[in-house]
């Protein structure tokens, strides 16, 4: 893993087409924000919010050029939905109240136009 080329990067490169000779490596990001397989999801989501990005490469902590996977918004939304589905099946308890608090904080920040997770 030496870089990441997103659809947005490609669109910007196409806009510059003809202005300069550039390669795919030039068009993509080479200073990547990454996550690791042992990092908790909450921290990965916080990184995404802090850097205003929607995806993170998952790399080996000891060998950071080794790509292990990819974490995107869809996977996070799926994980959140599964937690919420499980929570609805459980009897209300301390975890339910924590998720209610988390939901209310996220909703209030979204209403104000701020990212839900800020570090």
PDB file of N, CA and C in Angstrom:
ATOM      1  N   UNK A   1       0.847  -1.175   0.000  1.00  0.00           N
ATOM      2  CA  UNK A   1       0.000   0.000   0.000  1.00  0.00           C
ATOM      3  C   UNK A   1       0.891   1.236   0.000  1.00  0.00           C
ATOM      4  N   UNK A   2       0.884   1.941  -1.092  1.00  0.00           N
ATOM      5  CA  UNK A   2       1.714   3.138  -1.195  1.00  0.00           C
ATOM      6  C   UNK A   2       0.886   4.396  -1.393  1.00  0.00           C
ATOM      7  N   UNK A   3      -0.413   4.229  -1.606  1.00  0.00           N
ATOM      8  CA  UNK A   3      -1.283   5.375  -1.819  1.00  0.00           C
ATOM      9  C   UNK A   3      -2.720   4.921  -1.980  1.00  0.00           C
ATOM     10  N   UNK A   4      -3.600   5.890  -2.153  1.00  0.00           N
ATOM     11  CA  UNK A   4      -5.014   5.609  -2.337  1.00  0.00           C
ATOM     12  C   UNK A   4      -5.552   6.569  -3.377  1.00  0.00           C
ATOM     13  N   UNK A   5      -6.230   6.027  -4.358  1.00  0.00           N
ATOM     14  CA  UNK A   5      -6.793   6.818  -5.437  1.00  0.00           C
ATOM     15  C   UNK A   5      -8.302   6.690  -5.362  1.00  0.00           C
ATOM     16  N   UNK A   6      -8.978   7.778  -5.029  1.00  0.00           N
ATOM     17  CA  UNK A   6     -10.437   7.764  -4.888  1.00  0.00           C
ATOM     18  C   UNK A   6     -11.101   8.327  -6.144  1.00  0.00           C
ATOM     19  N   UNK A   7     -12.407   8.187  -6.203  1.00  0.00           N
ATOM     20  CA  UNK A   7     -13.173   8.758  -7.315  1.00  0.00           C
ATOM     21  C   UNK A   7     -12.972  10.275  -7.356  1.00  0.00           C
ATOM     22  N   UNK A   8     -12.951  10.916  -6.177  1.00  0.00           N
ATOM     23  CA  UNK A   8     -12.719  12.360  -6.124  1.00  0.00           C
ATOM     24  C   UNK A   8     -11.365  12.740  -6.676  1.00  0.00           C
ATOM     25  N   UNK A   9     -10.340  11.932  -6.353  1.00  0.00           N
ATOM     26  CA  UNK A   9      -8.999  12.177  -6.893  1.00  0.00           C
ATOM     27  C   UNK A   9      -8.998  12.075  -8.408  1.00  0.00           C
ATOM     28  N   UNK A  10      -9.707  11.080  -8.926  1.00  0.00           N
ATOM     29  CA  UNK A  10      -9.778  10.911 -10.377  1.00  0.00           C
ATOM     30  C   UNK A  10     -10.475  12.089 -11.037  1.00  0.00           C
ATOM     31  N   UNK A  11     -11.542  12.578 -10.425  1.00  0.00           N
ATOM     32  CA  UNK A  11     -12.269  13.718 -10.994  1.00  0.00           C
ATOM     33  C   UNK A  11     -11.374  14.961 -11.035  1.00  0.00           C
ATOM     34  N   UNK A  12     -10.619  15.193  -9.963  1.00  0.00           N
ATOM     35  CA  UNK A  12      -9.701  16.336  -9.936  1.00  0.00           C
ATOM     36  C   UNK A  12      -8.617  16.185 -10.999  1.00  0.00           C
ATOM     37  N   UNK A  13      -8.112  14.966 -11.156  1.00  0.00           N
ATOM     38  CA  UNK A  13      -7.066  14.717 -12.162  1.00  0.00           C
ATOM     39  C   UNK A  13      -7.615  14.949 -13.564  1.00  0.00           C
ATOM     40  N   UNK A  14      -8.851  14.540 -13.809  1.00  0.00           N
ATOM     41  CA  UNK A  14      -9.465  14.760 -15.124  1.00  0.00           C
ATOM     42  C   UNK A  14      -9.649  16.244 -15.407  1.00  0.00           C
ATOM     43  N   UNK A  15      -9.962  17.018 -14.390  1.00  0.00           N
ATOM     44  CA  UNK A  15     -10.109  18.467 -14.566  1.00  0.00           C
ATOM     45  C   UNK A  15      -8.780  19.108 -14.947  1.00  0.00           C
ATOM     46  N   UNK A  16      -7.679  18.529 -14.435  1.00  0.00           N
ATOM     47  CA  UNK A  16      -6.344  19.060 -14.735  1.00  0.00           C
ATOM     48  C   UNK A  16      -5.752  18.453 -16.007  1.00  0.00           C
ATOM     49  N   UNK A  17      -6.450  17.528 -16.620  1.00  0.00           N
ATOM     50  CA  UNK A  17      -5.914  16.823 -17.797  1.00  0.00           C
ATOM     51  C   UNK A  17      -5.462  17.831 -18.849  1.00  0.00           C
ATOM     52  N   UNK A  18      -4.304  17.594 -19.369  1.00  0.00           N
ATOM     53  CA  UNK A  18      -3.755  18.470 -20.395  1.00  0.00           C
ATOM     54  C   UNK A  18      -2.903  19.588 -19.827  1.00  0.00           C
ATOM     55  N   UNK A  19      -3.100  19.917 -18.550  1.00  0.00           N
ATOM     56  CA  UNK A  19      -2.306  20.982 -17.935  1.00  0.00           C
ATOM     57  C   UNK A  19      -0.905  20.492 -17.586  1.00  0.00           C
ATOM     58  N   UNK A  20      -0.811  19.234 -17.205  1.00  0.00           N
ATOM     59  CA  UNK A  20       0.479  18.692 -16.784  1.00  0.00           C
ATOM     60  C   UNK A  20       0.455  17.184 -16.982  1.00  0.00           C
ATOM     61  N   UNK A  21       1.629  16.611 -17.092  1.00  0.00           N
ATOM     62  CA  UNK A  21       1.726  15.158 -17.156  1.00  0.00           C
ATOM     63  C   UNK A  21       1.695  14.636 -15.732  1.00  0.00           C
ATOM     64  N   UNK A  22       0.743  13.769 -15.447  1.00  0.00           N
ATOM     65  CA  UNK A  22       0.687  13.211 -14.101  1.00  0.00           C
ATOM     66  C   UNK A  22       0.329  11.735 -14.174  1.00  0.00           C
ATOM     67  N   UNK A  23       0.742  11.038 -13.177  1.00  0.00           N
ATOM     68  CA  UNK A  23       0.473   9.606 -13.096  1.00  0.00           C
ATOM     69  C   UNK A  23      -0.613   9.358 -12.059  1.00  0.00           C
ATOM     70  N   UNK A  24      -1.037   8.107 -11.955  1.00  0.00           N
ATOM     71  CA  UNK A  24      -2.012   7.753 -10.927  1.00  0.00           C
ATOM     72  C   UNK A  24      -1.467   8.061  -9.540  1.00  0.00           C
ATOM     73  N   UNK A  25      -0.188   7.803  -9.358  1.00  0.00           N
ATOM     74  CA  UNK A  25       0.440   8.080  -8.058  1.00  0.00           C
ATOM     75  C   UNK A  25       0.356   9.571  -7.729  1.00  0.00           C
ATOM     76  N   UNK A  26       0.509  10.424  -8.738  1.00  0.00           N
ATOM     77  CA  UNK A  26       0.415  11.873  -8.514  1.00  0.00           C
ATOM     78  C   UNK A  26      -1.012  12.280  -8.158  1.00  0.00           C
ATOM     79  N   UNK A  27      -1.991  11.610  -8.734  1.00  0.00           N
ATOM     80  CA  UNK A  27      -3.393  11.978  -8.539  1.00  0.00           C
ATOM     81  C   UNK A  27      -3.921  11.562  -7.172  1.00  0.00           C
ATOM     82  N   UNK A  28      -3.420  10.470  -6.631  1.00  0.00           N
ATOM     83  CA  UNK A  28      -3.937   9.946  -5.363  1.00  0.00           C
ATOM     84  C   UNK A  28      -3.222  10.508  -4.152  1.00  0.00           C
ATOM     85  N   UNK A  29      -3.730  10.121  -3.004  1.00  0.00           N
ATOM     86  CA  UNK A  29      -3.135  10.548  -1.733  1.00  0.00           C
ATOM     87  C   UNK A  29      -2.009   9.591  -1.354  1.00  0.00           C
ATOM     88  N   UNK A  30      -0.858  10.144  -0.998  1.00  0.00           N
ATOM     89  CA  UNK A  30       0.250   9.290  -0.583  1.00  0.00           C
ATOM     90  C   UNK A  30       0.478   9.347   0.927  1.00  0.00           C
ATOM     91  N   UNK A  31      -0.016  10.390   1.578  1.00  0.00           N
ATOM     92  CA  UNK A  31       0.047  10.475   3.040  1.00  0.00           C
ATOM     93  C   UNK A  31      -1.319  10.040   3.553  1.00  0.00           C
ATOM     94  N   UNK A  32      -1.429   8.762   3.851  1.00  0.00           N
ATOM     95  CA  UNK A  32      -2.724   8.186   4.162  1.00  0.00           C
ATOM     96  C   UNK A  32      -3.054   8.194   5.646  1.00  0.00           C
ATOM     97  N   UNK A  33      -4.330   8.346   5.914  1.00  0.00           N
ATOM     98  CA  UNK A  33      -4.864   8.101   7.249  1.00  0.00           C
ATOM     99  C   UNK A  33      -5.320   6.651   7.199  1.00  0.00           C
ATOM    100  N   UNK A  34      -4.831   5.842   8.115  1.00  0.00           N
ATOM    101  CA  UNK A  34      -5.131   4.408   8.092  1.00  0.00           C
ATOM    102  C   UNK A  34      -5.667   3.958   9.443  1.00  0.00           C
ATOM    103  N   UNK A  35      -6.162   2.740   9.468  1.00  0.00           N
ATOM    104  CA  UNK A  35      -6.547   2.097  10.712  1.00  0.00           C
ATOM    105  C   UNK A  35      -5.885   0.721  10.750  1.00  0.00           C
ATOM    106  N   UNK A  36      -5.917   0.115  11.918  1.00  0.00           N
ATOM    107  CA  UNK A  36      -5.265  -1.170  12.131  1.00  0.00           C
ATOM    108  C   UNK A  36      -6.301  -2.186  12.596  1.00  0.00           C
ATOM    109  N   UNK A  37      -6.062  -3.461  12.367  1.00  0.00           N
ATOM    110  CA  UNK A  37      -7.056  -4.471  12.727  1.00  0.00           C
ATOM    111  C   UNK A  37      -7.341  -4.549  14.224  1.00  0.00           C
ATOM    112  N   UNK A  38      -6.402  -4.097  15.057  1.00  0.00           N
ATOM    113  CA  UNK A  38      -6.623  -4.146  16.506  1.00  0.00           C
ATOM    114  C   UNK A  38      -7.171  -2.837  17.072  1.00  0.00           C
ATOM    115  N   UNK A  39      -7.436  -1.867  16.218  1.00  0.00           N
ATOM    116  CA  UNK A  39      -7.963  -0.582  16.660  1.00  0.00           C
ATOM    117  C   UNK A  39      -9.487  -0.672  16.795  1.00  0.00           C
ATOM    118  N   UNK A  40     -10.032  -0.065  17.829  1.00  0.00           N
ATOM    119  CA  UNK A  40     -11.483  -0.125  18.021  1.00  0.00           C
ATOM    120  C   UNK A  40     -12.183   0.732  16.967  1.00  0.00           C
ATOM    121  N   UNK A  41     -13.377   0.309  16.614  1.00  0.00           N
ATOM    122  CA  UNK A  41     -14.146   0.983  15.567  1.00  0.00           C
ATOM    123  C   UNK A  41     -14.387   2.449  15.907  1.00  0.00           C
ATOM    124  N   UNK A  42     -14.627   2.742  17.167  1.00  0.00           N
ATOM    125  CA  UNK A  42     -14.873   4.118  17.586  1.00  0.00           C
ATOM    126  C   UNK A  42     -13.706   5.039  17.210  1.00  0.00           C
ATOM    127  N   UNK A  43     -12.472   4.577  17.392  1.00  0.00           N
ATOM    128  CA  UNK A  43     -11.307   5.379  17.040  1.00  0.00           C
ATOM    129  C   UNK A  43     -11.204   5.553  15.530  1.00  0.00           C
ATOM    130  N   UNK A  44     -11.492   4.500  14.788  1.00  0.00           N
ATOM    131  CA  UNK A  44     -11.449   4.599  13.322  1.00  0.00           C
ATOM    132  C   UNK A  44     -12.473   5.623  12.824  1.00  0.00           C
ATOM    133  N   UNK A  45     -13.676   5.585  13.385  1.00  0.00           N
ATOM    134  CA  UNK A  45     -14.719   6.545  12.993  1.00  0.00           C
ATOM    135  C   UNK A  45     -14.288   7.967  13.361  1.00  0.00           C
ATOM    136  N   UNK A  46     -13.668   8.136  14.527  1.00  0.00           N
ATOM    137  CA  UNK A  46     -13.183   9.455  14.932  1.00  0.00           C
ATOM    138  C   UNK A  46     -12.135   9.974  13.950  1.00  0.00           C
ATOM    139  N   UNK A  47     -11.245   9.100  13.486  1.00  0.00           N
ATOM    140  CA  UNK A  47     -10.243   9.504  12.482  1.00  0.00           C
ATOM    141  C   UNK A  47     -10.929   9.985  11.211  1.00  0.00           C
ATOM    142  N   UNK A  48     -11.937   9.232  10.788  1.00  0.00           N
ATOM    143  CA  UNK A  48     -12.654   9.607   9.570  1.00  0.00           C
ATOM    144  C   UNK A  48     -13.296  10.983   9.727  1.00  0.00           C
ATOM    145  N   UNK A  49     -13.897  11.234  10.874  1.00  0.00           N
ATOM    146  CA  UNK A  49     -14.548  12.523  11.114  1.00  0.00           C
ATOM    147  C   UNK A  49     -13.518  13.659  11.184  1.00  0.00           C
ATOM    148  N   UNK A  50     -12.410  13.426  11.901  1.00  0.00           N
ATOM    149  CA  UNK A  50     -11.376  14.461  12.034  1.00  0.00           C
ATOM    150  C   UNK A  50     -10.768  14.855  10.692  1.00  0.00           C
ATOM    151  N   UNK A  51     -10.609  13.871   9.817  1.00  0.00           N
ATOM    152  CA  UNK A  51      -9.944  14.123   8.535  1.00  0.00           C
ATOM    153  C   UNK A  51     -10.921  14.320   7.380  1.00  0.00           C
ATOM    154  N   UNK A  52     -12.214  14.312   7.686  1.00  0.00           N
ATOM    155  CA  UNK A  52     -13.253  14.518   6.669  1.00  0.00           C
ATOM    156  C   UNK A  52     -13.108  13.537   5.506  1.00  0.00           C
ATOM    157  N   UNK A  53     -12.962  12.270   5.859  1.00  0.00           N
ATOM    158  CA  UNK A  53     -12.842  11.229   4.851  1.00  0.00           C
ATOM    159  C   UNK A  53     -13.892  10.155   5.106  1.00  0.00           C
ATOM    160  N   UNK A  54     -14.205   9.378   4.100  1.00  0.00           N
ATOM    161  CA  UNK A  54     -15.256   8.380   4.224  1.00  0.00           C
ATOM    162  C   UNK A  54     -14.768   6.950   4.177  1.00  0.00           C
ATOM    163  N   UNK A  55     -13.456   6.762   4.154  1.00  0.00           N
ATOM    164  CA  UNK A  55     -12.930   5.399   4.082  1.00  0.00           C
ATOM    165  C   UNK A  55     -11.534   5.368   4.675  1.00  0.00           C
ATOM    166  N   UNK A  56     -11.172   4.197   5.187  1.00  0.00           N
ATOM    167  CA  UNK A  56      -9.837   4.004   5.752  1.00  0.00           C
ATOM    168  C   UNK A  56      -9.266   2.679   5.278  1.00  0.00           C
ATOM    169  N   UNK A  57      -8.042   2.682   4.770  1.00  0.00           N
ATOM    170  CA  UNK A  57      -7.377   1.413   4.514  1.00  0.00           C
ATOM    171  C   UNK A  57      -7.015   0.774   5.862  1.00  0.00           C
ATOM    172  N   UNK A  58      -7.155  -0.522   5.953  1.00  0.00           N
ATOM    173  CA  UNK A  58      -6.739  -1.266   7.140  1.00  0.00           C
ATOM    174  C   UNK A  58      -5.402  -1.904   6.793  1.00  0.00           C
ATOM    175  N   UNK A  59      -4.360  -1.531   7.548  1.00  0.00           N
ATOM    176  CA  UNK A  59      -3.017  -2.013   7.246  1.00  0.00           C
ATOM    177  C   UNK A  59      -2.423  -2.720   8.458  1.00  0.00           C
ATOM    178  N   UNK A  60      -1.414  -3.524   8.186  1.00  0.00           N
ATOM    179  CA  UNK A  60      -0.677  -4.226   9.237  1.00  0.00           C
ATOM    180  C   UNK A  60       0.129  -3.200  10.027  1.00  0.00           C
ATOM    181  N   UNK A  61      -0.008  -3.214  11.355  1.00  0.00           N
ATOM    182  CA  UNK A  61       0.701  -2.249  12.197  1.00  0.00           C
ATOM    183  C   UNK A  61       2.222  -2.390  12.058  1.00  0.00           C
ATOM    184  N   UNK A  62       2.715  -3.614  11.916  1.00  0.00           N
ATOM    185  CA  UNK A  62       4.162  -3.851  11.807  1.00  0.00           C
ATOM    186  C   UNK A  62       4.684  -3.692  10.386  1.00  0.00           C
ATOM    187  N   UNK A  63       3.801  -3.772   9.416  1.00  0.00           N
ATOM    188  CA  UNK A  63       4.184  -3.650   8.006  1.00  0.00           C
ATOM    189  C   UNK A  63       3.155  -2.753   7.311  1.00  0.00           C
ATOM    190  N   UNK A  64       3.251  -1.421   7.521  1.00  0.00           N
ATOM    191  CA  UNK A  64       2.203  -0.504   7.084  1.00  0.00           C
ATOM    192  C   UNK A  64       1.947  -0.433   5.575  1.00  0.00           C
ATOM    193  N   UNK A  65       2.814  -1.006   4.763  1.00  0.00           N
ATOM    194  CA  UNK A  65       2.533  -1.033   3.328  1.00  0.00           C
ATOM    195  C   UNK A  65       1.701  -2.257   2.946  1.00  0.00           C
ATOM    196  N   UNK A  66       1.420  -3.130   3.926  1.00  0.00           N
ATOM    197  CA  UNK A  66       0.638  -4.344   3.668  1.00  0.00           C
ATOM    198  C   UNK A  66      -0.846  -4.066   3.925  1.00  0.00           C
ATOM    199  N   UNK A  67      -1.618  -4.021   2.858  1.00  0.00           N
ATOM    200  CA  UNK A  67      -3.051  -3.757   2.940  1.00  0.00           C
ATOM    201  C   UNK A  67      -3.782  -5.021   3.387  1.00  0.00           C
ATOM    202  N   UNK A  68      -4.578  -4.890   4.450  1.00  0.00           N
ATOM    203  CA  UNK A  68      -5.340  -6.026   4.978  1.00  0.00           C
ATOM    204  C   UNK A  68      -6.822  -5.916   4.661  1.00  0.00           C
ATOM    205  N   UNK A  69      -7.282  -4.706   4.457  1.00  0.00           N
ATOM    206  CA  UNK A  69      -8.709  -4.517   4.207  1.00  0.00           C
ATOM    207  C   UNK A  69      -9.041  -3.053   4.022  1.00  0.00           C
ATOM    208  N   UNK A  70     -10.324  -2.779   4.134  1.00  0.00           N
ATOM    209  CA  UNK A  70     -10.840  -1.454   3.821  1.00  0.00           C
ATOM    210  C   UNK A  70     -12.055  -1.216   4.710  1.00  0.00           C
ATOM    211  N   UNK A  71     -12.127  -0.083   5.357  1.00  0.00           N
ATOM    212  CA  UNK A  71     -13.266   0.269   6.198  1.00  0.00           C
ATOM    213  C   UNK A  71     -13.931   1.499   5.609  1.00  0.00           C
ATOM    214  N   UNK A  72     -15.183   1.350   5.237  1.00  0.00           N
ATOM    215  CA  UNK A  72     -15.929   2.462   4.662  1.00  0.00           C
ATOM    216  C   UNK A  72     -17.195   2.745   5.440  1.00  0.00           C
ATOM    217  N   UNK A  73     -17.881   3.798   5.035  1.00  0.00           N
ATOM    218  CA  UNK A  73     -19.109   4.207   5.715  1.00  0.00           C
ATOM    219  C   UNK A  73     -20.165   3.114   5.724  1.00  0.00           C
ATOM    220  N   UNK A  74     -20.271   2.368   4.628  1.00  0.00           N
ATOM    221  CA  UNK A  74     -21.299   1.321   4.555  1.00  0.00           C
ATOM    222  C   UNK A  74     -21.071   0.246   5.611  1.00  0.00           C
ATOM    223  N   UNK A  75     -19.821  -0.148   5.819  1.00  0.00           N
ATOM    224  CA  UNK A  75     -19.521  -1.168   6.830  1.00  0.00           C
ATOM    225  C   UNK A  75     -19.823  -0.649   8.231  1.00  0.00           C
ATOM    226  N   UNK A  76     -19.542   0.616   8.467  1.00  0.00           N
ATOM    227  CA  UNK A  76     -19.826   1.207   9.774  1.00  0.00           C
ATOM    228  C   UNK A  76     -21.331   1.281   9.999  1.00  0.00           C
ATOM    229  N   UNK A  77     -22.070   1.694   8.978  1.00  0.00           N
ATOM    230  CA  UNK A  77     -23.530   1.765   9.102  1.00  0.00           C
ATOM    231  C   UNK A  77     -24.119   0.380   9.346  1.00  0.00           C
ATOM    232  N   UNK A  78     -23.590  -0.636   8.692  1.00  0.00           N
ATOM    233  CA  UNK A  78     -24.065  -2.004   8.890  1.00  0.00           C
ATOM    234  C   UNK A  78     -23.795  -2.460  10.319  1.00  0.00           C
ATOM    235  N   UNK A  79     -22.605  -2.177  10.821  1.00  0.00           N
ATOM    236  CA  UNK A  79     -22.273  -2.552  12.203  1.00  0.00           C
ATOM    237  C   UNK A  79     -23.191  -1.834  13.186  1.00  0.00           C
ATOM    238  N   UNK A  80     -23.438  -0.562  12.957  1.00  0.00           N
ATOM    239  CA  UNK A  80     -24.326   0.216  13.833  1.00  0.00           C
ATOM    240  C   UNK A  80     -25.738  -0.379  13.807  1.00  0.00           C
ATOM    241  N   UNK A  81     -26.219  -0.700  12.612  1.00  0.00           N
ATOM    242  CA  UNK A  81     -27.563  -1.274  12.495  1.00  0.00           C
ATOM    243  C   UNK A  81     -27.657  -2.601  13.237  1.00  0.00           C
ATOM    244  N   UNK A  82     -26.633  -3.434  13.131  1.00  0.00           N
ATOM    245  CA  UNK A  82     -26.650  -4.721  13.828  1.00  0.00           C
ATOM    246  C   UNK A  82     -26.677  -4.536  15.338  1.00  0.00           C
ATOM    247  N   UNK A  83     -25.915  -3.574  15.840  1.00  0.00           N
ATOM    248  CA  UNK A  83     -25.937  -3.284  17.277  1.00  0.00           C
ATOM    249  C   UNK A  83     -27.320  -2.811  17.685  1.00  0.00           C
ATOM    250  N   UNK A  84     -27.902  -1.945  16.895  1.00  0.00           N
ATOM    251  CA  UNK A  84     -29.234  -1.427  17.222  1.00  0.00           C
ATOM    252  C   UNK A  84     -30.280  -2.542  17.171  1.00  0.00           C
ATOM    253  N   UNK A  85     -30.179  -3.433  16.187  1.00  0.00           N
ATOM    254  CA  UNK A  85     -31.114  -4.562  16.100  1.00  0.00           C
ATOM    255  C   UNK A  85     -30.997  -5.455  17.324  1.00  0.00           C
ATOM    256  N   UNK A  86     -29.773  -5.749  17.740  1.00  0.00           N
ATOM    257  CA  UNK A  86     -29.558  -6.570  18.936  1.00  0.00           C
ATOM    258  C   UNK A  86     -30.100  -5.874  20.172  1.00  0.00           C
ATOM    259  N   UNK A  87     -29.900  -4.574  20.230  1.00  0.00           N
ATOM    260  CA  UNK A  87     -30.341  -3.816  21.399  1.00  0.00           C
ATOM    261  C   UNK A  87     -31.861  -3.836  21.535  1.00  0.00           C
ATOM    262  N   UNK A  88     -32.555  -3.802  20.425  1.00  0.00           N
ATOM    263  CA  UNK A  88     -34.025  -3.841  20.465  1.00  0.00           C
ATOM    264  C   UNK A  88     -34.531  -5.181  20.963  1.00  0.00           C
ATOM    265  N   UNK A  89     -33.746  -6.238  20.768  1.00  0.00           N
ATOM    266  CA  UNK A  89     -34.154  -7.569  21.211  1.00  0.00           C
ATOM    267  C   UNK A  89     -33.879  -7.798  22.697  1.00  0.00           C
ATOM    268  N   UNK A  90     -32.910  -7.069  23.241  1.00  0.00           N
ATOM    269  CA  UNK A  90     -32.547  -7.230  24.647  1.00  0.00           C
ATOM    270  C   UNK A  90     -33.494  -6.469  25.550  1.00  0.00           C
ATOM    271  N   UNK A  91     -33.504  -6.896  26.780  1.00  0.00           N
ATOM    272  CA  UNK A  91     -34.247  -6.155  27.802  1.00  0.00           C
ATOM    273  C   UNK A  91     -33.509  -4.847  28.056  1.00  0.00           C
ATOM    274  N   UNK A  92     -34.248  -3.784  28.272  1.00  0.00           N
ATOM    275  CA  UNK A  92     -33.630  -2.486  28.517  1.00  0.00           C
ATOM    276  C   UNK A  92     -32.734  -2.564  29.747  1.00  0.00           C
ATOM    277  N   UNK A  93     -31.553  -2.009  29.627  1.00  0.00           N
ATOM    278  CA  UNK A  93     -30.602  -2.021  30.729  1.00  0.00           C
ATOM    279  C   UNK A  93     -29.628  -0.878  30.571  1.00  0.00           C
ATOM    280  N   UNK A  94     -28.473  -0.994  31.202  1.00  0.00           N
ATOM    281  CA  UNK A  94     -27.496   0.091  31.161  1.00  0.00           C
ATOM    282  C   UNK A  94     -27.000   0.371  29.756  1.00  0.00           C
ATOM    283  N   UNK A  95     -26.859  -0.670  28.921  1.00  0.00           N
ATOM    284  CA  UNK A  95     -26.371  -0.467  27.564  1.00  0.00           C
ATOM    285  C   UNK A  95     -27.395   0.301  26.733  1.00  0.00           C
ATOM    286  N   UNK A  96     -28.666  -0.005  26.943  1.00  0.00           N
ATOM    287  CA  UNK A  96     -29.716   0.702  26.212  1.00  0.00           C
ATOM    288  C   UNK A  96     -29.641   2.194  26.489  1.00  0.00           C
ATOM    289  N   UNK A  97     -29.482   2.571  27.733  1.00  0.00           N
ATOM    290  CA  UNK A  97     -29.427   3.994  28.059  1.00  0.00           C
ATOM    291  C   UNK A  97     -28.196   4.654  27.441  1.00  0.00           C
ATOM    292  N   UNK A  98     -27.071   3.930  27.381  1.00  0.00           N
ATOM    293  CA  UNK A  98     -25.865   4.501  26.757  1.00  0.00           C
ATOM    294  C   UNK A  98     -26.075   4.726  25.260  1.00  0.00           C
ATOM    295  N   UNK A  99     -26.734   3.774  24.589  1.00  0.00           N
ATOM    296  CA  UNK A  99     -26.997   3.949  23.159  1.00  0.00           C
ATOM    297  C   UNK A  99     -28.007   5.062  22.917  1.00  0.00           C
ATOM    298  N   UNK A 100     -28.972   5.204  23.796  1.00  0.00           N
ATOM    299  CA  UNK A 100     -29.926   6.313  23.660  1.00  0.00           C
ATOM    300  C   UNK A 100     -29.197   7.644  23.773  1.00  0.00           C
ATOM    301  N   UNK A 101     -28.291   7.737  24.735  1.00  0.00           N
ATOM    302  CA  UNK A 101     -27.504   8.959  24.897  1.00  0.00           C
ATOM    303  C   UNK A 101     -26.658   9.208  23.656  1.00  0.00           C
ATOM    304  N   UNK A 102     -25.988   8.180  23.150  1.00  0.00           N
ATOM    305  CA  UNK A 102     -25.167   8.320  21.950  1.00  0.00           C
ATOM    306  C   UNK A 102     -26.012   8.777  20.763  1.00  0.00           C
ATOM    307  N   UNK A 103     -27.179   8.168  20.589  1.00  0.00           N
ATOM    308  CA  UNK A 103     -28.076   8.566  19.494  1.00  0.00           C
ATOM    309  C   UNK A 103     -28.505  10.017  19.632  1.00  0.00           C
ATOM    310  N   UNK A 104     -28.857  10.447  20.844  1.00  0.00           N
ATOM    311  CA  UNK A 104     -29.329  11.821  21.019  1.00  0.00           C
ATOM    312  C   UNK A 104     -28.207  12.827  20.751  1.00  0.00           C
ATOM    313  N   UNK A 105     -26.985  12.504  21.181  1.00  0.00           N
ATOM    314  CA  UNK A 105     -25.850  13.389  20.910  1.00  0.00           C
ATOM    315  C   UNK A 105     -25.598  13.467  19.405  1.00  0.00           C
ATOM    316  N   UNK A 106     -25.609  12.316  18.738  1.00  0.00           N
ATOM    317  CA  UNK A 106     -25.380  12.288  17.282  1.00  0.00           C
ATOM    318  C   UNK A 106     -26.459  13.083  16.560  1.00  0.00           C
ATOM    319  N   UNK A 107     -27.717  12.896  16.944  1.00  0.00           N
ATOM    320  CA  UNK A 107     -28.816  13.631  16.284  1.00  0.00           C
ATOM    321  C   UNK A 107     -28.680  15.133  16.490  1.00  0.00           C
ATOM    322  N   UNK A 108     -28.333  15.553  17.698  1.00  0.00           N
ATOM    323  CA  UNK A 108     -28.226  16.992  17.953  1.00  0.00           C
ATOM    324  C   UNK A 108     -27.091  17.601  17.133  1.00  0.00           C
ATOM    325  N   UNK A 109     -25.992  16.888  16.985  1.00  0.00           N
ATOM    326  CA  UNK A 109     -24.881  17.407  16.195  1.00  0.00           C
ATOM    327  C   UNK A 109     -25.226  17.435  14.715  1.00  0.00           C
ATOM    328  N   UNK A 110     -25.952  16.432  14.239  1.00  0.00           N
ATOM    329  CA  UNK A 110     -26.355  16.402  12.830  1.00  0.00           C
ATOM    330  C   UNK A 110     -27.310  17.554  12.549  1.00  0.00           C
ATOM    331  N   UNK A 111     -28.233  17.825  13.479  1.00  0.00           N
ATOM    332  CA  UNK A 111     -29.171  18.939  13.286  1.00  0.00           C
ATOM    333  C   UNK A 111     -28.447  20.270  13.199  1.00  0.00           C
ATOM    334  N   UNK A 112     -27.348  20.382  13.921  1.00  0.00           N
ATOM    335  CA  UNK A 112     -26.573  21.633  13.894  1.00  0.00           C
ATOM    336  C   UNK A 112     -25.579  21.654  12.752  1.00  0.00           C
ATOM    337  N   UNK A 113     -25.533  20.587  11.950  1.00  0.00           N
ATOM    338  CA  UNK A 113     -24.662  20.536  10.796  1.00  0.00           C
ATOM    339  C   UNK A 113     -23.224  20.220  11.117  1.00  0.00           C
ATOM    340  N   UNK A 114     -22.972  19.595  12.282  1.00  0.00           N
ATOM    341  CA  UNK A 114     -21.619  19.218  12.666  1.00  0.00           C
ATOM    342  C   UNK A 114     -21.482  17.713  12.554  1.00  0.00           C
ATOM    343  N   UNK A 115     -20.244  17.231  12.282  1.00  0.00           N
ATOM    344  CA  UNK A 115     -20.037  15.779  12.275  1.00  0.00           C
ATOM    345  C   UNK A 115     -20.386  15.204  13.635  1.00  0.00           C
ATOM    346  N   UNK A 116     -20.960  14.009  13.657  1.00  0.00           N
ATOM    347  CA  UNK A 116     -21.378  13.384  14.906  1.00  0.00           C
ATOM    348  C   UNK A 116     -20.196  12.992  15.767  1.00  0.00           C
ATOM    349  N   UNK A 117     -19.078  12.615  15.165  1.00  0.00           N
ATOM    350  CA  UNK A 117     -17.919  12.159  15.944  1.00  0.00           C
ATOM    351  C   UNK A 117     -16.794  13.144  15.755  1.00  0.00           C
ATOM    352  N   UNK A 118     -16.451  13.864  16.781  1.00  0.00           N
ATOM    353  CA  UNK A 118     -15.330  14.793  16.718  1.00  0.00           C
ATOM    354  C   UNK A 118     -14.363  14.437  17.807  1.00  0.00           C
ATOM    355  N   UNK A 119     -13.062  14.534  17.502  1.00  0.00           N
ATOM    356  CA  UNK A 119     -12.049  14.123  18.464  1.00  0.00           C
ATOM    357  C   UNK A 119     -11.428  15.245  19.182  1.00  0.00           C
TER     358      UNK A 119
END
